[in-house]
Amino acid sequence: MPNTRTNAPRGALVFDMRELGRQAGSALSRSRTVPAPADLRLELVSVPVGAEVSLDVRFEAVTEGVLATGTATAPLAGECARCLDPLTSTVTVSFQELYLYSDGRPRGSREVSDKYDKRDKYDRHDEDEERDDEERYLDGDLLDLEPAFRDVVVLALPMSPLCRDDCPGLCAECGAPLADAGPDHGHEDAIDPRWAGLKQFDQATKQDQATKQQDRRARAIDLQEG
């Protein structure tokens, strides 16, 4: 299986199908290390732009076009959804996509006979456009794998990436990482700020009562000794 290194970001996922030909049943395998295109990302994780992506693809000629089947492995970078620490990982995806020959695209699919009314014309036009959006075509002998690759990678990205499966997250009171805080980490019950003054007054009152009690004990001892 030939292995090539593609340096140019543009066109790195474009494959020339001239060697494959159009004889149904012929096959061609390719392995490439390509730079990741931009915008492969979700909110907390992404494939870094230009990062090395390992790609293995098998192209098979069929009657309608070329069937591309393969796998790709890409590095990930982001932050943990629980503790917000940086994380790195990889994602491996599989894909299979049919690319139709461009000269097989229906030429007159949007031309409707006069026997149909205007409403039928609009309905057929919308159906043809929707079908075109779902189908992929070769550009002559060139097959651009990037749209299919992009779709499958983005769908595989984790919505809530974790630095580890049992990450305990952050303390809800102080924001400290619980993984580093230890088992003794804790806080007193939170006090409503509106009652903070009353708590200070209560503490002062208890302290004053304790002082008075100590004074009474001292006087009682003095009387007994006298």
C-alpha atoms as a PDB file:
ATOM      1  CA  MET A   1       0.000   0.000   0.000  1.00  0.00           C
ATOM      2  CA  PRO A   2       1.717   3.236  -1.086  1.00  0.00           C
ATOM      3  CA  ASN A   3       2.244   5.872   1.588  1.00  0.00           C
ATOM      4  CA  THR A   4       2.603   9.542   0.711  1.00  0.00           C
ATOM      5  CA  ARG A   5       3.121  12.657   2.799  1.00  0.00           C
ATOM      6  CA  THR A   6       0.970  15.567   1.665  1.00  0.00           C
ATOM      7  CA  ASN A   7       2.221  18.937   2.902  1.00  0.00           C
ATOM      8  CA  ALA A   8      -0.162  21.382   1.239  1.00  0.00           C
ATOM      9  CA  PRO A   9      -3.218  22.041   3.426  1.00  0.00           C
ATOM     10  CA  ARG A  10      -5.348  22.771   0.351  1.00  0.00           C
ATOM     11  CA  GLY A  11      -6.057  19.675  -1.656  1.00  0.00           C
ATOM     12  CA  ALA A  12      -4.551  17.308   0.889  1.00  0.00           C
ATOM     13  CA  LEU A  13      -7.746  15.263   0.855  1.00  0.00           C
ATOM     14  CA  VAL A  14      -8.151  15.283  -2.930  1.00  0.00           C
ATOM     15  CA  PHE A  15      -7.402  11.975  -4.683  1.00  0.00           C
ATOM     16  CA  ASP A  16      -6.830  11.376  -8.389  1.00  0.00           C
ATOM     17  CA  MET A  17      -8.945   8.489  -9.657  1.00  0.00           C
ATOM     18  CA  ARG A  18      -7.353   8.144 -13.106  1.00  0.00           C
ATOM     19  CA  GLU A  19      -5.321   5.156 -11.938  1.00  0.00           C
ATOM     20  CA  LEU A  20      -8.476   3.479 -10.656  1.00  0.00           C
ATOM     21  CA  GLY A  21     -10.303   3.786 -13.953  1.00  0.00           C
ATOM     22  CA  ARG A  22     -13.998   3.122 -14.403  1.00  0.00           C
ATOM     23  CA  GLN A  23     -14.010  -0.640 -14.740  1.00  0.00           C
ATOM     24  CA  ALA A  24     -16.500  -1.831 -12.126  1.00  0.00           C
ATOM     25  CA  GLY A  25     -14.760  -4.007  -9.548  1.00  0.00           C
ATOM     26  CA  SER A  26     -11.334  -2.369  -9.768  1.00  0.00           C
ATOM     27  CA  ALA A  27      -9.927  -1.088  -6.482  1.00  0.00           C
ATOM     28  CA  LEU A  28      -7.222   1.229  -5.236  1.00  0.00           C
ATOM     29  CA  SER A  29      -5.879   1.715  -1.690  1.00  0.00           C
ATOM     30  CA  ARG A  30      -4.166   4.801  -0.363  1.00  0.00           C
ATOM     31  CA  SER A  31      -2.578   5.799   2.974  1.00  0.00           C
ATOM     32  CA  ARG A  32      -1.771   9.418   3.716  1.00  0.00           C
ATOM     33  CA  THR A  33      -0.727  11.635   6.564  1.00  0.00           C
ATOM     34  CA  VAL A  34      -2.513  14.923   5.964  1.00  0.00           C
ATOM     35  CA  PRO A  35      -2.769  18.227   7.851  1.00  0.00           C
ATOM     36  CA  ALA A  36      -6.129  18.681   9.547  1.00  0.00           C
ATOM     37  CA  PRO A  37      -8.387  21.282   7.928  1.00  0.00           C
ATOM     38  CA  ALA A  38      -9.783  24.175   9.944  1.00  0.00           C
ATOM     39  CA  ASP A  39     -12.970  24.216  12.019  1.00  0.00           C
ATOM     40  CA  LEU A  40     -13.052  20.601  13.154  1.00  0.00           C
ATOM     41  CA  ARG A  41     -14.321  21.600  16.579  1.00  0.00           C
ATOM     42  CA  LEU A  42     -17.019  21.741  19.212  1.00  0.00           C
ATOM     43  CA  GLU A  43     -17.162  24.109  22.188  1.00  0.00           C
ATOM     44  CA  LEU A  44     -14.669  22.268  24.420  1.00  0.00           C
ATOM     45  CA  VAL A  45     -12.633  20.132  22.035  1.00  0.00           C
ATOM     46  CA  SER A  46     -11.184  20.331  18.533  1.00  0.00           C
ATOM     47  CA  VAL A  47      -8.761  18.814  16.079  1.00  0.00           C
ATOM     48  CA  PRO A  48      -5.911  21.391  15.968  1.00  0.00           C
ATOM     49  CA  VAL A  49      -5.555  23.016  12.558  1.00  0.00           C
ATOM     50  CA  GLY A  50      -2.642  21.462  10.683  1.00  0.00           C
ATOM     51  CA  ALA A  51      -2.287  18.521  13.087  1.00  0.00           C
ATOM     52  CA  GLU A  52      -1.255  15.241  11.483  1.00  0.00           C
ATOM     53  CA  VAL A  53      -4.170  13.008  10.545  1.00  0.00           C
ATOM     54  CA  SER A  54      -3.535   9.386   9.555  1.00  0.00           C
ATOM     55  CA  LEU A  55      -5.786   8.301   6.712  1.00  0.00           C
ATOM     56  CA  ASP A  56      -6.350   4.887   5.101  1.00  0.00           C
ATOM     57  CA  VAL A  57      -8.813   4.709   2.210  1.00  0.00           C
ATOM     58  CA  ARG A  58      -9.912   2.048  -0.262  1.00  0.00           C
ATOM     59  CA  PHE A  59     -11.515   3.246  -3.488  1.00  0.00           C
ATOM     60  CA  GLU A  60     -13.692   0.863  -5.493  1.00  0.00           C
ATOM     61  CA  ALA A  61     -15.104   1.544  -8.934  1.00  0.00           C
ATOM     62  CA  VAL A  62     -18.807   0.778  -9.187  1.00  0.00           C
ATOM     63  CA  THR A  63     -21.325   1.377 -11.944  1.00  0.00           C
ATOM     64  CA  GLU A  64     -22.441   4.783 -10.663  1.00  0.00           C
ATOM     65  CA  GLY A  65     -19.067   6.111  -9.509  1.00  0.00           C
ATOM     66  CA  VAL A  66     -16.456   5.463  -6.814  1.00  0.00           C
ATOM     67  CA  LEU A  67     -17.109   4.018  -3.363  1.00  0.00           C
ATOM     68  CA  ALA A  68     -14.654   5.383  -0.775  1.00  0.00           C
ATOM     69  CA  THR A  69     -14.275   3.365   2.433  1.00  0.00           C
ATOM     70  CA  GLY A  70     -11.704   4.172   5.095  1.00  0.00           C
ATOM     71  CA  THR A  71     -10.585   5.151   8.575  1.00  0.00           C
ATOM     72  CA  ALA A  72      -8.905   8.241   9.962  1.00  0.00           C
ATOM     73  CA  THR A  73      -7.173   8.951  13.261  1.00  0.00           C
ATOM     74  CA  ALA A  74      -6.816  12.553  14.419  1.00  0.00           C
ATOM     75  CA  PRO A  75      -5.406  14.182  17.582  1.00  0.00           C
ATOM     76  CA  LEU A  76      -7.704  16.129  19.894  1.00  0.00           C
ATOM     77  CA  ALA A  77      -7.033  19.077  22.189  1.00  0.00           C
ATOM     78  CA  GLY A  78      -9.390  20.861  24.538  1.00  0.00           C
ATOM     79  CA  GLU A  79     -10.401  21.138  28.173  1.00  0.00           C
ATOM     80  CA  CYS A  80     -12.148  18.820  30.591  1.00  0.00           C
ATOM     81  CA  ALA A  81     -15.864  19.502  30.929  1.00  0.00           C
ATOM     82  CA  ARG A  82     -15.677  18.916  34.716  1.00  0.00           C
ATOM     83  CA  CYS A  83     -12.396  20.386  35.983  1.00  0.00           C
ATOM     84  CA  LEU A  84     -11.491  22.580  32.955  1.00  0.00           C
ATOM     85  CA  ASP A  85      -7.919  21.222  32.868  1.00  0.00           C
ATOM     86  CA  PRO A  86      -6.292  20.963  29.422  1.00  0.00           C
ATOM     87  CA  LEU A  87      -6.577  17.551  27.815  1.00  0.00           C
ATOM     88  CA  THR A  88      -5.250  15.737  24.775  1.00  0.00           C
ATOM     89  CA  SER A  89      -6.600  12.619  23.132  1.00  0.00           C
ATOM     90  CA  THR A  90      -7.273  11.040  19.737  1.00  0.00           C
ATOM     91  CA  VAL A  91     -10.356  10.149  17.767  1.00  0.00           C
ATOM     92  CA  THR A  92     -10.639   7.346  15.215  1.00  0.00           C
ATOM     93  CA  VAL A  93     -13.500   7.372  12.723  1.00  0.00           C
ATOM     94  CA  SER A  94     -14.713   5.134   9.922  1.00  0.00           C
ATOM     95  CA  PHE A  95     -16.542   6.309   6.837  1.00  0.00           C
ATOM     96  CA  GLN A  96     -18.022   5.092   3.585  1.00  0.00           C
ATOM     97  CA  GLU A  97     -19.163   7.476   0.879  1.00  0.00           C
ATOM     98  CA  LEU A  98     -20.304   7.032  -2.739  1.00  0.00           C
ATOM     99  CA  TYR A  99     -19.040   9.623  -5.228  1.00  0.00           C
ATOM    100  CA  LEU A 100     -21.018   9.694  -8.468  1.00  0.00           C
ATOM    101  CA  TYR A 101     -19.394  10.363 -11.827  1.00  0.00           C
ATOM    102  CA  SER A 102     -19.926  14.013 -12.715  1.00  0.00           C
ATOM    103  CA  ASP A 103     -20.928  13.146 -16.287  1.00  0.00           C
ATOM    104  CA  GLY A 104     -23.682  10.958 -14.851  1.00  0.00           C
ATOM    105  CA  ARG A 105     -25.428  13.914 -13.170  1.00  0.00           C
ATOM    106  CA  PRO A 106     -28.972  14.230 -14.508  1.00  0.00           C
ATOM    107  CA  ARG A 107     -28.828  17.057 -17.026  1.00  0.00           C
ATOM    108  CA  GLY A 108     -32.513  17.544 -17.668  1.00  0.00           C
ATOM    109  CA  SER A 109     -33.877  16.658 -14.269  1.00  0.00           C
ATOM    110  CA  ARG A 110     -35.205  20.180 -13.759  1.00  0.00           C
ATOM    111  CA  GLU A 111     -36.804  20.520 -17.205  1.00  0.00           C
ATOM    112  CA  VAL A 112     -40.462  19.736 -16.921  1.00  0.00           C
ATOM    113  CA  SER A 113     -42.897  19.177 -19.757  1.00  0.00           C
ATOM    114  CA  ASP A 114     -45.582  21.783 -20.447  1.00  0.00           C
ATOM    115  CA  LYS A 115     -48.209  19.279 -19.409  1.00  0.00           C
ATOM    116  CA  TYR A 116     -47.252  19.896 -15.735  1.00  0.00           C
ATOM    117  CA  ASP A 117     -48.533  22.999 -14.041  1.00  0.00           C
ATOM    118  CA  LYS A 118     -46.391  25.660 -12.400  1.00  0.00           C
ATOM    119  CA  ARG A 119     -46.758  24.152  -8.937  1.00  0.00           C
ATOM    120  CA  ASP A 120     -45.413  20.789 -10.130  1.00  0.00           C
ATOM    121  CA  LYS A 121     -42.367  22.568 -11.553  1.00  0.00           C
ATOM    122  CA  TYR A 122     -41.512  24.125  -8.204  1.00  0.00           C
ATOM    123  CA  ASP A 123     -42.010  20.812  -6.365  1.00  0.00           C
ATOM    124  CA  ARG A 124     -39.696  18.966  -8.764  1.00  0.00           C
ATOM    125  CA  HIS A 125     -37.107  21.758  -8.562  1.00  0.00           C
ATOM    126  CA  ASP A 126     -36.997  21.505  -4.753  1.00  0.00           C
ATOM    127  CA  GLU A 127     -36.715  17.703  -4.869  1.00  0.00           C
ATOM    128  CA  ASP A 128     -33.827  17.868  -7.346  1.00  0.00           C
ATOM    129  CA  GLU A 129     -31.944  20.422  -5.238  1.00  0.00           C
ATOM    130  CA  GLU A 130     -32.442  18.354  -2.082  1.00  0.00           C
ATOM    131  CA  ARG A 131     -31.133  15.251  -3.865  1.00  0.00           C
ATOM    132  CA  ASP A 132     -28.110  17.175  -5.168  1.00  0.00           C
ATOM    133  CA  ASP A 133     -27.302  18.330  -1.622  1.00  0.00           C
ATOM    134  CA  GLU A 134     -27.267  14.726  -0.397  1.00  0.00           C
ATOM    135  CA  GLU A 135     -25.185  13.328  -3.241  1.00  0.00           C
ATOM    136  CA  ARG A 136     -21.448  13.766  -3.800  1.00  0.00           C
ATOM    137  CA  TYR A 137     -19.810  13.896  -7.222  1.00  0.00           C
ATOM    138  CA  LEU A 138     -16.314  13.537  -8.588  1.00  0.00           C
ATOM    139  CA  ASP A 139     -14.809  16.591 -10.238  1.00  0.00           C
ATOM    140  CA  GLY A 140     -13.659  14.936 -13.424  1.00  0.00           C
ATOM    141  CA  ASP A 141     -11.124  12.381 -12.172  1.00  0.00           C
ATOM    142  CA  LEU A 142     -10.664  14.102  -8.801  1.00  0.00           C
ATOM    143  CA  LEU A 143     -12.337  12.934  -5.614  1.00  0.00           C
ATOM    144  CA  ASP A 144     -12.446  15.446  -2.752  1.00  0.00           C
ATOM    145  CA  LEU A 145     -12.709  13.503   0.496  1.00  0.00           C
ATOM    146  CA  GLU A 146     -12.685  16.559   2.776  1.00  0.00           C
ATOM    147  CA  PRO A 147     -16.486  17.138   3.071  1.00  0.00           C
ATOM    148  CA  ALA A 148     -17.146  13.510   4.019  1.00  0.00           C
ATOM    149  CA  PHE A 149     -14.110  13.460   6.319  1.00  0.00           C
ATOM    150  CA  ARG A 150     -15.221  16.682   8.006  1.00  0.00           C
ATOM    151  CA  ASP A 151     -18.754  15.433   8.611  1.00  0.00           C
ATOM    152  CA  VAL A 152     -17.701  12.164  10.226  1.00  0.00           C
ATOM    153  CA  VAL A 153     -14.983  13.714  12.431  1.00  0.00           C
ATOM    154  CA  VAL A 154     -17.186  16.500  13.805  1.00  0.00           C
ATOM    155  CA  LEU A 155     -19.952  13.996  14.616  1.00  0.00           C
ATOM    156  CA  ALA A 156     -17.407  11.873  16.515  1.00  0.00           C
ATOM    157  CA  LEU A 157     -16.132  14.706  18.743  1.00  0.00           C
ATOM    158  CA  PRO A 158     -17.244  14.327  22.394  1.00  0.00           C
ATOM    159  CA  MET A 159     -19.756  16.902  23.599  1.00  0.00           C
ATOM    160  CA  SER A 160     -18.383  16.687  27.172  1.00  0.00           C
ATOM    161  CA  PRO A 161     -14.725  15.607  27.003  1.00  0.00           C
ATOM    162  CA  LEU A 162     -13.143  14.374  30.255  1.00  0.00           C
ATOM    163  CA  CYS A 163      -9.512  14.310  31.360  1.00  0.00           C
ATOM    164  CA  ARG A 164     -10.360  10.923  32.891  1.00  0.00           C
ATOM    165  CA  ASP A 165     -13.556   8.955  33.317  1.00  0.00           C
ATOM    166  CA  ASP A 166     -13.717   9.442  37.104  1.00  0.00           C
ATOM    167  CA  CYS A 167     -12.795  13.147  37.140  1.00  0.00           C
ATOM    168  CA  PRO A 168     -14.489  14.578  40.289  1.00  0.00           C
ATOM    169  CA  GLY A 169     -14.621  18.117  38.888  1.00  0.00           C
ATOM    170  CA  LEU A 170     -14.377  21.360  40.875  1.00  0.00           C
ATOM    171  CA  CYS A 171     -15.508  22.260  44.388  1.00  0.00           C
ATOM    172  CA  ALA A 172     -18.835  24.050  44.153  1.00  0.00           C
ATOM    173  CA  GLU A 173     -17.843  26.402  47.022  1.00  0.00           C
ATOM    174  CA  CYS A 174     -14.275  27.487  46.226  1.00  0.00           C
ATOM    175  CA  GLY A 175     -13.640  26.152  42.713  1.00  0.00           C
ATOM    176  CA  ALA A 176     -10.639  24.041  43.747  1.00  0.00           C
ATOM    177  CA  PRO A 177      -9.996  20.858  41.724  1.00  0.00           C
ATOM    178  CA  LEU A 178     -11.351  18.056  43.902  1.00  0.00           C
ATOM    179  CA  ALA A 179      -8.780  15.626  42.508  1.00  0.00           C
ATOM    180  CA  ASP A 180      -6.036  17.697  44.178  1.00  0.00           C
ATOM    181  CA  ALA A 181      -7.935  18.872  47.255  1.00  0.00           C
ATOM    182  CA  GLY A 182      -7.910  15.527  49.098  1.00  0.00           C
ATOM    183  CA  PRO A 183     -10.597  13.714  51.103  1.00  0.00           C
ATOM    184  CA  ASP A 184     -10.554  16.247  53.968  1.00  0.00           C
ATOM    185  CA  HIS A 185     -11.520  19.168  51.765  1.00  0.00           C
ATOM    186  CA  GLY A 186     -14.745  20.794  52.940  1.00  0.00           C
ATOM    187  CA  HIS A 187     -16.508  24.009  53.919  1.00  0.00           C
ATOM    188  CA  GLU A 188     -18.824  25.195  56.657  1.00  0.00           C
ATOM    189  CA  ASP A 189     -22.408  25.731  55.691  1.00  0.00           C
ATOM    190  CA  ALA A 190     -22.645  28.783  53.520  1.00  0.00           C
ATOM    191  CA  ILE A 191     -24.073  31.854  55.269  1.00  0.00           C
ATOM    192  CA  ASP A 192     -26.506  34.161  53.518  1.00  0.00           C
ATOM    193  CA  PRO A 193     -24.720  37.564  53.328  1.00  0.00           C
ATOM    194  CA  ARG A 194     -27.846  39.178  54.793  1.00  0.00           C
ATOM    195  CA  TRP A 195     -27.273  37.216  58.036  1.00  0.00           C
ATOM    196  CA  ALA A 196     -23.502  37.731  58.219  1.00  0.00           C
ATOM    197  CA  GLY A 197     -23.852  40.693  60.639  1.00  0.00           C
ATOM    198  CA  LEU A 198     -26.146  38.727  62.926  1.00  0.00           C
ATOM    199  CA  LYS A 199     -23.638  35.872  63.037  1.00  0.00           C
ATOM    200  CA  GLN A 200     -20.856  38.268  64.101  1.00  0.00           C
ATOM    201  CA  PHE A 201     -23.120  39.742  66.801  1.00  0.00           C
ATOM    202  CA  ASP A 202     -23.961  36.264  68.071  1.00  0.00           C
ATOM    203  CA  GLN A 203     -20.280  35.324  68.228  1.00  0.00           C
ATOM    204  CA  ALA A 204     -19.486  38.542  70.145  1.00  0.00           C
ATOM    205  CA  THR A 205     -22.329  37.869  72.593  1.00  0.00           C
ATOM    206  CA  LYS A 206     -21.108  34.342  73.258  1.00  0.00           C
ATOM    207  CA  GLN A 207     -17.586  35.617  73.838  1.00  0.00           C
ATOM    208  CA  ASP A 208     -18.842  38.267  76.287  1.00  0.00           C
ATOM    209  CA  GLN A 209     -20.880  35.677  78.185  1.00  0.00           C
ATOM    210  CA  ALA A 210     -17.867  33.397  78.439  1.00  0.00           C
ATOM    211  CA  THR A 211     -15.743  36.254  79.807  1.00  0.00           C
ATOM    212  CA  LYS A 212     -18.362  37.174  82.442  1.00  0.00           C
ATOM    213  CA  GLN A 213     -18.642  33.551  83.495  1.00  0.00           C
ATOM    214  CA  GLN A 214     -14.875  33.344  83.974  1.00  0.00           C
ATOM    215  CA  ASP A 215     -14.989  36.535  86.103  1.00  0.00           C
ATOM    216  CA  ARG A 216     -17.736  35.107  88.344  1.00  0.00           C
ATOM    217  CA  ARG A 217     -15.750  31.936  88.879  1.00  0.00           C
ATOM    218  CA  ALA A 218     -12.688  33.945  89.796  1.00  0.00           C
ATOM    219  CA  ARG A 219     -14.627  36.005  92.383  1.00  0.00           C
ATOM    220  CA  ALA A 220     -16.206  32.893  93.884  1.00  0.00           C
ATOM    221  CA  ILE A 221     -12.733  31.345  94.359  1.00  0.00           C
ATOM    222  CA  ASP A 222     -11.494  34.524  96.023  1.00  0.00           C
ATOM    223  CA  LEU A 223     -14.404  34.536  98.503  1.00  0.00           C
ATOM    224  CA  GLN A 224     -13.809  30.915  99.426  1.00  0.00           C
ATOM    225  CA  GLU A 225     -10.127  31.504 100.088  1.00  0.00           C
ATOM    226  CA  GLY A 226     -10.825  34.673 102.077  1.00  0.00           C
END
